């Protein structure tokens, strides 16, 4: 299964959640439901995955946590904000790069309209 195949499944599950619940819940609630939906689809989901960073040949353990990593391929950064800022997309790209992955999704279930919910972030993956 490719990064794009996984992303389609994540986006479809996110759409179901967004259309049924809408914005206004806490990020933690959306996270639990999205994990449940992805596992129902048979996907492996790591939640709040610690990520190490190597700097000057020193390993900094658990330097940050990725909200979700699906099938050891796609990084999911989940938000529940009225709107995301540019820094959130950059944060997601940094997480994707530092985990050595090629695709990330910034998902904001607090957005007012579906068109603002999912932002695709790539690192060396053809668009």
N, C-alpha and C. Protein backbone atom coordinates (compact mmCIF):
# COMPACT_ATOMS: atom_id res chain seq x y z
N UNK A 1 0.85 -1.18 0.00
CA UNK A 1 0.00 0.00 0.00
C UNK A 1 0.89 1.24 0.00
N UNK A 2 0.63 2.15 -0.91
CA UNK A 2 1.44 3.36 -1.03
C UNK A 2 0.99 4.43 -0.04
N UNK A 3 1.82 5.45 0.09
CA UNK A 3 1.47 6.59 0.93
C UNK A 3 0.14 7.20 0.48
N UNK A 4 -0.04 7.30 -0.83
CA UNK A 4 -1.26 7.90 -1.36
C UNK A 4 -2.49 7.05 -1.07
N UNK A 5 -2.35 5.72 -1.16
CA UNK A 5 -3.46 4.83 -0.84
C UNK A 5 -3.89 5.02 0.61
N UNK A 6 -2.90 5.07 1.49
CA UNK A 6 -3.18 5.27 2.92
C UNK A 6 -3.85 6.62 3.14
N UNK A 7 -3.31 7.66 2.50
CA UNK A 7 -3.87 9.01 2.65
C UNK A 7 -5.32 9.06 2.22
N UNK A 8 -5.67 8.39 1.13
CA UNK A 8 -7.07 8.37 0.68
C UNK A 8 -7.97 7.76 1.75
N UNK A 9 -7.51 6.69 2.37
CA UNK A 9 -8.31 6.05 3.42
C UNK A 9 -8.46 6.97 4.63
N UNK A 10 -7.39 7.67 4.98
CA UNK A 10 -7.43 8.60 6.11
C UNK A 10 -8.38 9.76 5.80
N UNK A 11 -8.29 10.30 4.60
CA UNK A 11 -9.16 11.42 4.21
C UNK A 11 -10.61 10.98 4.19
N UNK A 12 -10.90 9.80 3.67
CA UNK A 12 -12.28 9.31 3.65
C UNK A 12 -12.83 9.14 5.07
N UNK A 13 -12.03 8.58 5.96
CA UNK A 13 -12.46 8.42 7.36
C UNK A 13 -12.66 9.79 8.01
N UNK A 14 -11.77 10.72 7.72
CA UNK A 14 -11.88 12.07 8.26
C UNK A 14 -13.15 12.75 7.77
N UNK A 15 -13.46 12.55 6.51
CA UNK A 15 -14.69 13.13 5.94
C UNK A 15 -15.93 12.61 6.67
N UNK A 16 -15.96 11.31 6.93
CA UNK A 16 -17.10 10.73 7.64
C UNK A 16 -17.26 11.35 9.03
N UNK A 17 -16.14 11.51 9.71
CA UNK A 17 -16.16 12.10 11.05
C UNK A 17 -16.63 13.55 10.98
N UNK A 18 -16.06 14.30 10.04
CA UNK A 18 -16.38 15.72 9.92
C UNK A 18 -17.85 15.93 9.59
N UNK A 19 -18.39 15.12 8.67
CA UNK A 19 -19.78 15.32 8.27
C UNK A 19 -20.76 14.89 9.37
N UNK A 20 -20.37 13.93 10.19
CA UNK A 20 -21.27 13.47 11.26
C UNK A 20 -21.16 14.33 12.52
N UNK A 21 -19.95 14.76 12.86
CA UNK A 21 -19.76 15.49 14.11
C UNK A 21 -19.58 16.99 13.93
N UNK A 22 -18.96 17.39 12.82
CA UNK A 22 -18.68 18.80 12.60
C UNK A 22 -17.60 19.32 13.53
N UNK A 23 -17.30 20.61 13.45
CA UNK A 23 -16.29 21.21 14.31
C UNK A 23 -16.83 21.44 15.72
N UNK A 24 -15.91 21.67 16.65
CA UNK A 24 -16.32 22.07 17.99
C UNK A 24 -15.90 21.14 19.10
N UNK A 25 -15.39 19.97 18.78
CA UNK A 25 -14.95 19.04 19.81
C UNK A 25 -13.46 19.22 20.09
N UNK A 26 -13.01 18.63 21.15
CA UNK A 26 -11.58 18.66 21.47
C UNK A 26 -10.79 17.77 20.52
N UNK A 27 -9.55 18.13 20.29
CA UNK A 27 -8.67 17.34 19.43
C UNK A 27 -8.60 15.89 19.90
N UNK A 28 -8.54 15.69 21.20
CA UNK A 28 -8.42 14.34 21.75
C UNK A 28 -9.62 13.46 21.38
N UNK A 29 -10.79 14.05 21.29
CA UNK A 29 -11.99 13.29 20.90
C UNK A 29 -11.88 12.87 19.44
N UNK A 30 -11.53 13.82 18.58
CA UNK A 30 -11.36 13.49 17.16
C UNK A 30 -10.28 12.42 16.97
N UNK A 31 -9.21 12.54 17.74
CA UNK A 31 -8.11 11.57 17.62
C UNK A 31 -8.60 10.15 17.93
N UNK A 32 -9.32 10.00 19.00
CA UNK A 32 -9.81 8.67 19.39
C UNK A 32 -10.73 8.09 18.34
N UNK A 33 -11.60 8.93 17.80
CA UNK A 33 -12.55 8.44 16.79
C UNK A 33 -11.83 8.11 15.49
N UNK A 34 -10.89 8.96 15.07
CA UNK A 34 -10.16 8.69 13.84
C UNK A 34 -9.33 7.40 13.97
N UNK A 35 -8.69 7.21 15.09
CA UNK A 35 -7.93 5.97 15.31
C UNK A 35 -8.86 4.77 15.20
N UNK A 36 -10.01 4.87 15.83
CA UNK A 36 -10.99 3.78 15.78
C UNK A 36 -11.39 3.48 14.34
N UNK A 37 -11.71 4.52 13.58
CA UNK A 37 -12.14 4.34 12.19
C UNK A 37 -11.03 3.73 11.33
N UNK A 38 -9.80 4.17 11.53
CA UNK A 38 -8.68 3.64 10.73
C UNK A 38 -8.41 2.18 11.08
N UNK A 39 -8.51 1.84 12.34
CA UNK A 39 -8.31 0.45 12.75
C UNK A 39 -9.43 -0.44 12.20
N UNK A 40 -10.64 0.09 12.12
CA UNK A 40 -11.74 -0.67 11.50
C UNK A 40 -11.42 -1.01 10.05
N UNK A 41 -10.67 -0.15 9.40
CA UNK A 41 -10.27 -0.37 8.01
C UNK A 41 -9.07 -1.32 7.89
N UNK A 42 -8.57 -1.76 9.04
CA UNK A 42 -7.44 -2.69 9.04
C UNK A 42 -6.09 -2.03 9.00
N UNK A 43 -6.04 -0.72 9.23
CA UNK A 43 -4.78 0.00 9.20
C UNK A 43 -4.09 -0.04 10.55
N UNK A 44 -2.78 -0.09 10.52
CA UNK A 44 -1.98 -0.01 11.74
C UNK A 44 -1.77 1.47 12.05
N UNK A 45 -2.12 1.88 13.27
CA UNK A 45 -2.03 3.28 13.66
C UNK A 45 -1.22 3.40 14.95
N UNK A 46 -0.14 4.17 14.90
CA UNK A 46 0.62 4.50 16.10
C UNK A 46 0.18 5.89 16.54
N UNK A 47 -0.19 6.01 17.82
CA UNK A 47 -0.72 7.26 18.35
C UNK A 47 0.28 7.88 19.31
N UNK A 48 0.46 9.21 19.18
CA UNK A 48 1.40 9.94 20.03
C UNK A 48 2.76 9.24 20.04
N UNK A 49 3.26 8.99 18.85
CA UNK A 49 4.51 8.24 18.67
C UNK A 49 5.71 9.14 18.95
N UNK A 50 6.52 8.73 19.92
CA UNK A 50 7.75 9.46 20.23
C UNK A 50 8.72 9.35 19.06
N UNK A 51 9.36 10.47 18.74
CA UNK A 51 10.32 10.51 17.65
C UNK A 51 11.63 11.08 18.18
N UNK A 52 12.71 10.35 17.93
CA UNK A 52 14.04 10.80 18.33
C UNK A 52 14.62 11.71 17.26
N UNK A 53 15.51 12.59 17.67
CA UNK A 53 16.25 13.44 16.74
C UNK A 53 17.73 13.24 17.00
N UNK A 54 18.49 13.15 15.92
CA UNK A 54 19.95 13.05 16.05
C UNK A 54 20.55 14.39 15.64
N UNK A 55 21.37 14.92 16.55
CA UNK A 55 22.04 16.20 16.31
C UNK A 55 23.45 16.08 16.85
N UNK A 56 24.44 16.43 16.02
CA UNK A 56 25.85 16.31 16.43
C UNK A 56 26.17 14.92 16.97
N UNK A 57 25.60 13.92 16.30
CA UNK A 57 25.80 12.52 16.67
C UNK A 57 25.26 12.18 18.06
N UNK A 58 24.42 13.04 18.58
CA UNK A 58 23.76 12.80 19.86
C UNK A 58 22.29 12.49 19.58
N UNK A 59 21.78 11.44 20.20
CA UNK A 59 20.37 11.10 20.04
C UNK A 59 19.57 11.77 21.15
N UNK A 60 18.65 12.61 20.74
CA UNK A 60 17.74 13.24 21.67
C UNK A 60 16.45 12.42 21.62
N UNK A 61 16.26 11.60 22.63
CA UNK A 61 15.12 10.69 22.66
C UNK A 61 13.83 11.45 22.89
N UNK A 62 12.81 10.99 22.20
CA UNK A 62 11.46 11.56 22.34
C UNK A 62 11.48 13.08 22.23
N UNK A 63 12.15 13.57 21.20
CA UNK A 63 12.26 15.02 21.00
C UNK A 63 10.89 15.65 20.68
N UNK A 64 10.04 14.87 20.02
CA UNK A 64 8.67 15.32 19.78
C UNK A 64 7.79 14.10 19.60
N UNK A 65 6.50 14.36 19.56
CA UNK A 65 5.53 13.28 19.35
C UNK A 65 4.71 13.56 18.10
N UNK A 66 4.67 12.59 17.23
CA UNK A 66 3.78 12.66 16.08
C UNK A 66 2.40 12.24 16.54
N UNK A 67 1.37 13.01 16.20
CA UNK A 67 0.01 12.66 16.63
C UNK A 67 -0.34 11.24 16.21
N UNK A 68 -0.09 10.93 14.93
CA UNK A 68 -0.36 9.59 14.41
C UNK A 68 0.61 9.27 13.29
N UNK A 69 0.97 8.01 13.20
CA UNK A 69 1.68 7.49 12.04
C UNK A 69 0.88 6.28 11.60
N UNK A 70 0.44 6.29 10.34
CA UNK A 70 -0.43 5.24 9.82
C UNK A 70 0.38 4.34 8.91
N UNK A 71 0.32 3.03 9.21
CA UNK A 71 1.02 2.01 8.42
C UNK A 71 2.52 2.30 8.30
N UNK A 72 3.10 2.92 9.30
CA UNK A 72 4.52 3.29 9.30
C UNK A 72 4.90 4.13 8.09
N UNK A 73 3.92 4.81 7.48
CA UNK A 73 4.17 5.59 6.27
C UNK A 73 3.76 7.05 6.36
N UNK A 74 2.51 7.28 6.72
CA UNK A 74 1.94 8.63 6.66
C UNK A 74 1.89 9.26 8.06
N UNK A 75 2.38 10.48 8.15
CA UNK A 75 2.34 11.23 9.41
C UNK A 75 1.08 12.07 9.41
N UNK A 76 0.31 11.97 10.49
CA UNK A 76 -0.92 12.75 10.62
C UNK A 76 -0.75 13.72 11.78
N UNK A 77 -0.90 15.00 11.48
CA UNK A 77 -0.90 16.04 12.51
C UNK A 77 -2.33 16.52 12.64
N UNK A 78 -2.91 16.30 13.79
CA UNK A 78 -4.32 16.58 14.00
C UNK A 78 -4.51 17.86 14.81
N UNK A 79 -5.45 18.67 14.37
CA UNK A 79 -5.79 19.92 15.06
C UNK A 79 -7.31 20.02 15.19
N UNK A 80 -7.75 20.87 16.10
CA UNK A 80 -9.17 21.20 16.25
C UNK A 80 -9.25 22.69 16.52
N UNK A 81 -8.84 23.47 15.52
CA UNK A 81 -8.75 24.92 15.64
C UNK A 81 -9.73 25.59 14.68
N UNK A 82 -10.08 26.84 14.98
CA UNK A 82 -10.94 27.57 14.06
C UNK A 82 -10.27 27.66 12.69
N UNK A 83 -8.97 27.90 12.69
CA UNK A 83 -8.19 27.85 11.45
C UNK A 83 -6.74 27.58 11.80
N UNK A 84 -6.04 26.95 10.88
CA UNK A 84 -4.62 26.69 11.11
C UNK A 84 -3.81 27.89 10.66
N UNK A 85 -2.59 27.96 11.15
CA UNK A 85 -1.65 29.01 10.75
C UNK A 85 -0.56 28.38 9.88
N UNK A 86 0.21 29.21 9.21
CA UNK A 86 1.29 28.72 8.35
C UNK A 86 2.25 27.81 9.12
N UNK A 87 2.46 28.11 10.39
CA UNK A 87 3.39 27.32 11.20
C UNK A 87 2.94 25.87 11.33
N UNK A 88 1.65 25.62 11.30
CA UNK A 88 1.16 24.25 11.43
C UNK A 88 1.55 23.40 10.22
N UNK A 89 1.51 23.99 9.04
CA UNK A 89 1.94 23.26 7.84
C UNK A 89 3.45 23.02 7.90
N UNK A 90 4.20 24.03 8.32
CA UNK A 90 5.66 23.86 8.44
C UNK A 90 6.00 22.82 9.50
N UNK A 91 5.25 22.84 10.60
CA UNK A 91 5.45 21.84 11.67
C UNK A 91 5.22 20.44 11.11
N UNK A 92 4.17 20.26 10.35
CA UNK A 92 3.87 18.95 9.78
C UNK A 92 4.97 18.52 8.82
N UNK A 93 5.45 19.43 7.99
CA UNK A 93 6.54 19.10 7.07
C UNK A 93 7.80 18.71 7.84
N UNK A 94 8.11 19.42 8.90
CA UNK A 94 9.28 19.08 9.73
C UNK A 94 9.12 17.69 10.33
N UNK A 95 7.94 17.37 10.83
CA UNK A 95 7.70 16.04 11.39
C UNK A 95 7.87 14.97 10.32
N UNK A 96 7.36 15.22 9.13
CA UNK A 96 7.49 14.27 8.03
C UNK A 96 8.97 14.06 7.70
N UNK A 97 9.71 15.14 7.57
CA UNK A 97 11.14 15.03 7.25
C UNK A 97 11.91 14.29 8.35
N UNK A 98 11.67 14.66 9.61
CA UNK A 98 12.44 14.08 10.71
C UNK A 98 12.10 12.61 10.97
N UNK A 99 10.93 12.18 10.54
CA UNK A 99 10.59 10.76 10.68
C UNK A 99 11.05 9.95 9.46
N UNK A 100 11.56 10.65 8.45
CA UNK A 100 12.01 9.97 7.24
C UNK A 100 10.87 9.52 6.34
N UNK A 101 9.71 10.10 6.52
CA UNK A 101 8.54 9.74 5.70
C UNK A 101 8.44 10.69 4.51
N UNK A 102 7.52 10.37 3.60
CA UNK A 102 7.36 11.19 2.41
C UNK A 102 6.04 11.93 2.33
N UNK A 103 5.07 11.57 3.20
CA UNK A 103 3.75 12.21 3.12
C UNK A 103 3.19 12.44 4.51
N UNK A 104 2.63 13.62 4.68
CA UNK A 104 1.94 13.95 5.91
C UNK A 104 0.62 14.62 5.59
N UNK A 105 -0.30 14.51 6.52
CA UNK A 105 -1.58 15.19 6.39
C UNK A 105 -1.79 16.05 7.63
N UNK A 106 -2.02 17.32 7.41
CA UNK A 106 -2.43 18.23 8.47
C UNK A 106 -3.95 18.24 8.42
N UNK A 107 -4.56 17.72 9.47
CA UNK A 107 -6.01 17.60 9.52
C UNK A 107 -6.54 18.49 10.63
N UNK A 108 -7.38 19.45 10.24
CA UNK A 108 -7.98 20.37 11.21
C UNK A 108 -9.49 20.18 11.24
N UNK A 109 -9.95 19.39 12.20
CA UNK A 109 -11.38 19.12 12.30
C UNK A 109 -12.17 20.24 12.96
N UNK A 110 -11.50 21.31 13.30
CA UNK A 110 -12.19 22.49 13.82
C UNK A 110 -12.54 23.48 12.73
N UNK A 111 -12.14 23.20 11.51
CA UNK A 111 -12.38 24.12 10.40
C UNK A 111 -13.87 24.29 10.12
N UNK A 112 -14.20 25.45 9.59
CA UNK A 112 -15.60 25.77 9.33
C UNK A 112 -16.16 25.04 8.12
N UNK A 113 -15.31 24.73 7.13
CA UNK A 113 -15.79 24.03 5.95
C UNK A 113 -14.83 22.89 5.59
N UNK A 114 -15.36 21.87 4.93
CA UNK A 114 -14.57 20.69 4.58
C UNK A 114 -13.34 21.06 3.75
N UNK A 115 -13.44 22.05 2.89
CA UNK A 115 -12.32 22.43 2.03
C UNK A 115 -11.09 22.88 2.82
N UNK A 116 -11.28 23.22 4.09
CA UNK A 116 -10.18 23.69 4.93
C UNK A 116 -9.65 22.61 5.89
N UNK A 117 -10.22 21.41 5.83
CA UNK A 117 -9.89 20.39 6.83
C UNK A 117 -8.55 19.71 6.57
N UNK A 118 -8.27 19.30 5.34
CA UNK A 118 -7.08 18.48 5.05
C UNK A 118 -6.09 19.25 4.21
N UNK A 119 -4.83 19.27 4.67
CA UNK A 119 -3.72 19.84 3.91
C UNK A 119 -2.68 18.75 3.73
N UNK A 120 -2.32 18.51 2.49
CA UNK A 120 -1.34 17.49 2.14
C UNK A 120 0.05 18.11 2.19
N UNK A 121 1.01 17.42 2.82
CA UNK A 121 2.38 17.90 2.96
C UNK A 121 3.31 16.80 2.49
N UNK A 122 4.16 17.11 1.49
CA UNK A 122 5.02 16.07 0.93
C UNK A 122 6.50 16.38 1.15
N UNK A 123 7.27 15.30 1.20
CA UNK A 123 8.71 15.38 1.37
C UNK A 123 9.34 14.38 0.39
N UNK A 124 9.57 14.83 -0.83
CA UNK A 124 10.19 13.95 -1.81
C UNK A 124 9.22 12.98 -2.47
N UNK A 125 7.95 13.16 -2.27
CA UNK A 125 6.93 12.31 -2.91
C UNK A 125 6.34 13.10 -4.06
N UNK A 126 6.29 12.51 -5.25
CA UNK A 126 5.69 13.24 -6.37
C UNK A 126 4.25 13.63 -6.05
N UNK A 127 3.91 14.86 -6.36
CA UNK A 127 2.54 15.36 -6.11
C UNK A 127 1.59 14.58 -6.97
